[in-house]
Amino acid sequence: MAAITLSVSTVKPLADRVFVKVSASEEKTAGGILLPDTAKEKPQIGEVIQVGPGKRNDDGTRQAPEVKVGDKVLYSKYAGTDVKLSNDEYVLLSEKDILAVVS
């Protein structure tokens, strides 16, 4: 079997999928207490890196995605598929799992 090398530029989401780079998790609490790795929560904010062409409607046309590359988004906690590429964490999720665009 041939080995496949993945990079951010080679991943192209299909349909209404969005490829998001996960923001770094908080290292300490608001009170200044350092958190161990086991106590850190999975971040829910990230930056959109790639966007699919959009979902197909019943008549065959494509509905353009509401988010674009570069948007910071808030997404559901347990949504998507986690992907790790070259020490960076990404999540591949459906557009319906994105809750808001953060400015």
N, C-alpha and C. Protein backbone atom coordinates (compact mmCIF):
# COMPACT_ATOMS: atom_id res chain seq x y z
N MET A 1 0.83 -1.17 0.00
CA MET A 1 0.00 0.00 0.00
C MET A 1 0.88 1.24 0.00
N ALA A 2 0.55 2.23 -0.80
CA ALA A 2 1.33 3.47 -0.89
C ALA A 2 0.98 4.40 0.27
N ALA A 3 1.99 5.09 0.75
CA ALA A 3 1.76 6.06 1.82
C ALA A 3 1.23 7.36 1.23
N ILE A 4 0.30 7.97 1.95
CA ILE A 4 -0.30 9.23 1.51
C ILE A 4 0.13 10.32 2.47
N THR A 5 0.65 11.40 1.91
CA THR A 5 1.05 12.53 2.74
C THR A 5 -0.04 13.59 2.66
N LEU A 6 -0.60 13.95 3.80
CA LEU A 6 -1.64 14.96 3.85
C LEU A 6 -1.08 16.28 4.34
N SER A 7 -1.56 17.34 3.76
CA SER A 7 -1.26 18.69 4.25
C SER A 7 -2.54 19.50 4.14
N VAL A 8 -2.53 20.67 4.71
CA VAL A 8 -3.72 21.51 4.70
C VAL A 8 -4.14 21.83 3.28
N SER A 9 -3.18 22.06 2.40
CA SER A 9 -3.51 22.43 1.03
C SER A 9 -4.06 21.26 0.21
N THR A 10 -3.83 20.01 0.65
CA THR A 10 -4.33 18.86 -0.11
C THR A 10 -5.70 18.40 0.36
N VAL A 11 -6.21 18.93 1.46
CA VAL A 11 -7.52 18.56 1.97
C VAL A 11 -8.57 19.49 1.37
N LYS A 12 -9.53 18.92 0.62
CA LYS A 12 -10.59 19.73 0.02
C LYS A 12 -11.93 19.15 0.48
N PRO A 13 -12.65 19.89 1.33
CA PRO A 13 -13.93 19.38 1.83
C PRO A 13 -14.97 19.24 0.72
N LEU A 14 -15.85 18.27 0.87
CA LEU A 14 -16.92 18.04 -0.09
C LEU A 14 -18.24 18.59 0.44
N ALA A 15 -19.14 18.89 -0.47
CA ALA A 15 -20.50 19.36 -0.16
C ALA A 15 -20.48 20.54 0.81
N ASP A 16 -21.19 20.41 1.94
CA ASP A 16 -21.28 21.53 2.88
C ASP A 16 -20.30 21.38 4.05
N ARG A 17 -19.21 20.65 3.84
CA ARG A 17 -18.21 20.45 4.88
C ARG A 17 -17.26 21.65 4.97
N VAL A 18 -16.73 21.87 6.18
CA VAL A 18 -15.83 22.99 6.45
C VAL A 18 -14.63 22.44 7.22
N PHE A 19 -13.41 22.84 6.83
CA PHE A 19 -12.17 22.41 7.48
C PHE A 19 -11.70 23.57 8.36
N VAL A 20 -11.63 23.34 9.68
CA VAL A 20 -11.38 24.40 10.65
C VAL A 20 -10.12 24.09 11.45
N LYS A 21 -9.24 25.09 11.60
CA LYS A 21 -8.06 24.96 12.46
C LYS A 21 -8.50 25.31 13.88
N VAL A 22 -8.29 24.39 14.80
CA VAL A 22 -8.74 24.55 16.18
C VAL A 22 -7.84 25.54 16.90
N SER A 23 -8.44 26.47 17.65
CA SER A 23 -7.68 27.42 18.46
C SER A 23 -7.02 26.68 19.63
N ALA A 24 -5.95 27.24 20.14
CA ALA A 24 -5.25 26.63 21.27
C ALA A 24 -6.13 26.65 22.50
N SER A 25 -6.06 25.60 23.30
CA SER A 25 -6.86 25.54 24.53
C SER A 25 -6.20 26.39 25.61
N GLU A 26 -7.01 26.79 26.56
CA GLU A 26 -6.52 27.64 27.65
C GLU A 26 -5.54 26.86 28.53
N GLU A 27 -4.40 27.50 28.84
CA GLU A 27 -3.38 26.88 29.67
C GLU A 27 -3.66 27.08 31.16
N LYS A 28 -4.38 28.17 31.50
CA LYS A 28 -4.69 28.42 32.90
C LYS A 28 -6.07 29.05 33.03
N THR A 29 -6.59 28.98 34.24
CA THR A 29 -7.92 29.52 34.52
C THR A 29 -7.85 31.04 34.66
N ALA A 30 -9.03 31.67 34.79
CA ALA A 30 -9.08 33.12 34.98
C ALA A 30 -8.39 33.53 36.27
N GLY A 31 -8.36 32.64 37.25
CA GLY A 31 -7.70 32.93 38.53
C GLY A 31 -6.20 32.68 38.50
N GLY A 32 -5.67 32.16 37.38
CA GLY A 32 -4.23 31.96 37.25
C GLY A 32 -3.75 30.56 37.57
N ILE A 33 -4.65 29.61 37.77
CA ILE A 33 -4.26 28.23 38.07
C ILE A 33 -3.92 27.51 36.77
N LEU A 34 -2.74 26.90 36.71
CA LEU A 34 -2.33 26.14 35.53
C LEU A 34 -3.12 24.85 35.44
N LEU A 35 -3.59 24.52 34.23
CA LEU A 35 -4.39 23.32 34.02
C LEU A 35 -3.53 22.20 33.45
N PRO A 36 -3.64 20.99 33.99
CA PRO A 36 -2.95 19.85 33.37
C PRO A 36 -3.66 19.46 32.08
N ASP A 37 -2.98 18.69 31.23
CA ASP A 37 -3.56 18.30 29.95
C ASP A 37 -4.88 17.54 30.11
N THR A 38 -5.02 16.77 31.16
CA THR A 38 -6.25 15.98 31.35
C THR A 38 -7.45 16.84 31.73
N ALA A 39 -7.22 18.04 32.24
CA ALA A 39 -8.33 18.90 32.68
C ALA A 39 -8.74 19.92 31.63
N LYS A 40 -7.97 20.03 30.55
CA LYS A 40 -8.28 21.00 29.51
C LYS A 40 -9.50 20.55 28.71
N GLU A 41 -10.36 21.50 28.42
CA GLU A 41 -11.53 21.20 27.60
C GLU A 41 -11.19 21.38 26.13
N LYS A 42 -11.89 20.65 25.29
CA LYS A 42 -11.71 20.78 23.85
C LYS A 42 -12.20 22.16 23.42
N PRO A 43 -11.37 22.95 22.73
CA PRO A 43 -11.81 24.28 22.28
C PRO A 43 -12.97 24.16 21.28
N GLN A 44 -13.82 25.18 21.27
CA GLN A 44 -14.96 25.19 20.35
C GLN A 44 -14.86 26.34 19.36
N ILE A 45 -13.73 27.02 19.32
CA ILE A 45 -13.53 28.14 18.40
C ILE A 45 -12.36 27.80 17.50
N GLY A 46 -12.49 28.15 16.23
CA GLY A 46 -11.42 27.91 15.28
C GLY A 46 -11.55 28.81 14.07
N GLU A 47 -10.54 28.71 13.20
CA GLU A 47 -10.50 29.52 11.98
C GLU A 47 -10.76 28.63 10.78
N VAL A 48 -11.64 29.07 9.90
CA VAL A 48 -11.98 28.32 8.70
C VAL A 48 -10.78 28.35 7.74
N ILE A 49 -10.31 27.15 7.36
CA ILE A 49 -9.16 27.02 6.46
C ILE A 49 -9.60 26.68 5.04
N GLN A 50 -10.56 25.77 4.90
CA GLN A 50 -11.09 25.37 3.60
C GLN A 50 -12.61 25.23 3.71
N VAL A 51 -13.31 25.52 2.61
CA VAL A 51 -14.77 25.40 2.56
C VAL A 51 -15.15 24.60 1.33
N GLY A 52 -16.10 23.69 1.50
CA GLY A 52 -16.60 22.91 0.36
C GLY A 52 -17.46 23.76 -0.55
N PRO A 53 -17.85 23.22 -1.71
CA PRO A 53 -18.63 23.99 -2.69
C PRO A 53 -20.06 24.29 -2.26
N GLY A 54 -20.58 23.60 -1.27
CA GLY A 54 -21.94 23.86 -0.80
C GLY A 54 -22.84 22.65 -0.96
N LYS A 55 -23.95 22.70 -0.27
CA LYS A 55 -24.92 21.61 -0.26
C LYS A 55 -25.79 21.68 -1.53
N ARG A 56 -26.14 20.51 -2.06
CA ARG A 56 -27.04 20.46 -3.22
C ARG A 56 -28.49 20.57 -2.77
N ASN A 57 -29.23 21.43 -3.45
CA ASN A 57 -30.67 21.56 -3.19
C ASN A 57 -31.43 20.46 -3.94
N ASP A 58 -32.72 20.37 -3.71
CA ASP A 58 -33.54 19.35 -4.37
C ASP A 58 -33.56 19.50 -5.89
N ASP A 59 -33.42 20.73 -6.39
CA ASP A 59 -33.44 20.95 -7.84
C ASP A 59 -32.06 20.79 -8.48
N GLY A 60 -31.03 20.42 -7.69
CA GLY A 60 -29.70 20.15 -8.24
C GLY A 60 -28.73 21.32 -8.16
N THR A 61 -29.22 22.50 -7.82
CA THR A 61 -28.32 23.65 -7.69
C THR A 61 -27.60 23.58 -6.35
N ARG A 62 -26.49 24.29 -6.26
CA ARG A 62 -25.72 24.32 -5.02
C ARG A 62 -26.09 25.55 -4.20
N GLN A 63 -26.21 25.35 -2.90
CA GLN A 63 -26.45 26.46 -1.96
C GLN A 63 -25.08 26.86 -1.42
N ALA A 64 -24.66 28.08 -1.67
CA ALA A 64 -23.34 28.54 -1.25
C ALA A 64 -23.22 28.54 0.28
N PRO A 65 -22.05 28.16 0.81
CA PRO A 65 -21.87 28.16 2.26
C PRO A 65 -21.93 29.58 2.83
N GLU A 66 -22.38 29.69 4.08
CA GLU A 66 -22.47 31.00 4.73
C GLU A 66 -21.15 31.48 5.29
N VAL A 67 -20.21 30.57 5.51
CA VAL A 67 -18.89 30.95 6.04
C VAL A 67 -17.88 30.97 4.90
N LYS A 68 -16.79 31.69 5.12
CA LYS A 68 -15.74 31.76 4.11
C LYS A 68 -14.38 31.55 4.79
N VAL A 69 -13.38 31.31 4.00
CA VAL A 69 -12.03 31.10 4.51
C VAL A 69 -11.59 32.34 5.29
N GLY A 70 -11.04 32.11 6.48
CA GLY A 70 -10.58 33.21 7.32
C GLY A 70 -11.54 33.58 8.44
N ASP A 71 -12.79 33.13 8.37
CA ASP A 71 -13.77 33.41 9.43
C ASP A 71 -13.39 32.65 10.70
N LYS A 72 -13.59 33.30 11.85
CA LYS A 72 -13.47 32.61 13.14
C LYS A 72 -14.88 32.14 13.49
N VAL A 73 -15.00 30.86 13.81
CA VAL A 73 -16.32 30.28 14.06
C VAL A 73 -16.38 29.57 15.41
N LEU A 74 -17.59 29.52 15.95
CA LEU A 74 -17.90 28.77 17.15
C LEU A 74 -18.71 27.56 16.70
N TYR A 75 -18.26 26.35 17.09
CA TYR A 75 -18.94 25.14 16.63
C TYR A 75 -19.33 24.26 17.80
N SER A 76 -20.20 23.30 17.55
CA SER A 76 -20.70 22.39 18.58
C SER A 76 -19.55 21.61 19.21
N LYS A 77 -19.69 21.31 20.48
CA LYS A 77 -18.61 20.69 21.25
C LYS A 77 -18.20 19.31 20.72
N TYR A 78 -19.14 18.48 20.39
CA TYR A 78 -18.81 17.10 19.97
C TYR A 78 -19.03 16.89 18.48
N ALA A 79 -18.97 17.94 17.70
CA ALA A 79 -19.23 17.84 16.27
C ALA A 79 -17.94 17.56 15.49
N GLY A 80 -18.11 16.98 14.33
CA GLY A 80 -17.02 16.84 13.39
C GLY A 80 -16.05 15.70 13.65
N THR A 81 -15.04 15.64 12.79
CA THR A 81 -13.99 14.64 12.86
C THR A 81 -12.67 15.34 13.13
N ASP A 82 -11.99 14.94 14.20
CA ASP A 82 -10.71 15.54 14.55
C ASP A 82 -9.61 15.01 13.64
N VAL A 83 -8.77 15.93 13.14
CA VAL A 83 -7.66 15.58 12.26
C VAL A 83 -6.42 16.29 12.78
N LYS A 84 -5.29 15.56 12.84
CA LYS A 84 -4.04 16.18 13.28
C LYS A 84 -3.06 16.13 12.12
N LEU A 85 -2.60 17.30 11.67
CA LEU A 85 -1.64 17.41 10.58
C LEU A 85 -0.45 18.26 11.06
N SER A 86 0.72 17.68 11.03
CA SER A 86 1.97 18.36 11.40
C SER A 86 1.84 19.18 12.68
N ASN A 87 1.48 18.52 13.77
CA ASN A 87 1.38 19.11 15.11
C ASN A 87 0.27 20.15 15.28
N ASP A 88 -0.54 20.38 14.28
CA ASP A 88 -1.68 21.29 14.40
C ASP A 88 -2.95 20.46 14.40
N GLU A 89 -3.95 20.92 15.16
CA GLU A 89 -5.22 20.21 15.24
C GLU A 89 -6.27 20.90 14.38
N TYR A 90 -7.02 20.09 13.65
CA TYR A 90 -8.09 20.57 12.78
C TYR A 90 -9.33 19.76 13.06
N VAL A 91 -10.46 20.28 12.63
CA VAL A 91 -11.72 19.53 12.71
C VAL A 91 -12.45 19.72 11.38
N LEU A 92 -12.95 18.62 10.85
CA LEU A 92 -13.73 18.64 9.62
C LEU A 92 -15.18 18.47 10.02
N LEU A 93 -15.99 19.51 9.78
CA LEU A 93 -17.37 19.45 10.22
C LEU A 93 -18.33 19.95 9.16
N SER A 94 -19.57 19.57 9.36
CA SER A 94 -20.64 20.00 8.47
C SER A 94 -21.00 21.45 8.81
N GLU A 95 -21.45 22.19 7.83
CA GLU A 95 -21.79 23.59 8.08
C GLU A 95 -22.90 23.75 9.11
N LYS A 96 -23.77 22.78 9.22
CA LYS A 96 -24.87 22.86 10.19
C LYS A 96 -24.38 22.79 11.63
N ASP A 97 -23.14 22.29 11.84
CA ASP A 97 -22.56 22.21 13.19
C ASP A 97 -21.91 23.53 13.62
N ILE A 98 -21.82 24.49 12.73
CA ILE A 98 -21.27 25.80 13.08
C ILE A 98 -22.40 26.63 13.68
N LEU A 99 -22.16 27.13 14.88
CA LEU A 99 -23.18 27.86 15.61
C LEU A 99 -23.16 29.36 15.34
N ALA A 100 -21.95 29.93 15.16
CA ALA A 100 -21.86 31.38 14.98
C ALA A 100 -20.51 31.74 14.38
N VAL A 101 -20.48 32.91 13.74
CA VAL A 101 -19.23 33.52 13.29
C VAL A 101 -18.83 34.52 14.35
N VAL A 102 -17.58 34.42 14.84
CA VAL A 102 -17.09 35.27 15.92
C VAL A 102 -16.27 36.39 15.31
N SER A 103 -16.58 37.63 15.71
CA SER A 103 -15.83 38.77 15.16
C SER A 103 -14.76 39.23 16.11
